[in-house]
Amino acid sequence: MNRSQLEHIIRASAGNADTREIVVIRPEHSIVIDGAIGERSMFHETFGYYAHGVDPTTAVLPDGWQERLIRVENENTRGNIGWCLEPHDLAVSKLVAGRDKDLSFIRSLLRHAMVSEPVLRERLETTPFATPDRRGQVLARLIRITRSPLG
């Protein structure tokens, strides 16, 4: 998704949820957003991209992620505000999910220097995991990604 598509998603999400501000993790509007502009919706079919309605139980995020949210607001969002995850926080969430598409996304973030391994490691240390074994699995995933060619 590029910047103009993100701005369009913010505009559409705010309109569908009848609010001026959208936080990437927003439980009270996640079902409405997912239904209106989610995967396989008319929005998705029309524009070729979509948004997932996400709530705090969906994503595992490092402590303090709320303080690092990045504000996106301009004329393309029609004055609506999108509070987006800071790239390292987003990458941690994707590392935890561990799907192939997530790992590919993290490789791209690393390749384009949008995130760094040391900061990802720091954020993983503050991420709540159900068990220490789970933390170890996710750290091993990061090591595999950073040790493989990023090309």
Foldseek 3Di string as FASTA:
>chain_A
DDDLVVLVLLLVQCVQQVHQEAELADVVRQVSQCADFNPPHPVCVVPVDGHGRHHPVLFFFFPPQVVVWDWDADVSNVRRIYGYTQVLRQLLRLLLVPDPVSLLVVLVCVVVVSDDPVVNVVRLVRTDDPDVVSSVSSVVSSVVSVVDDSD
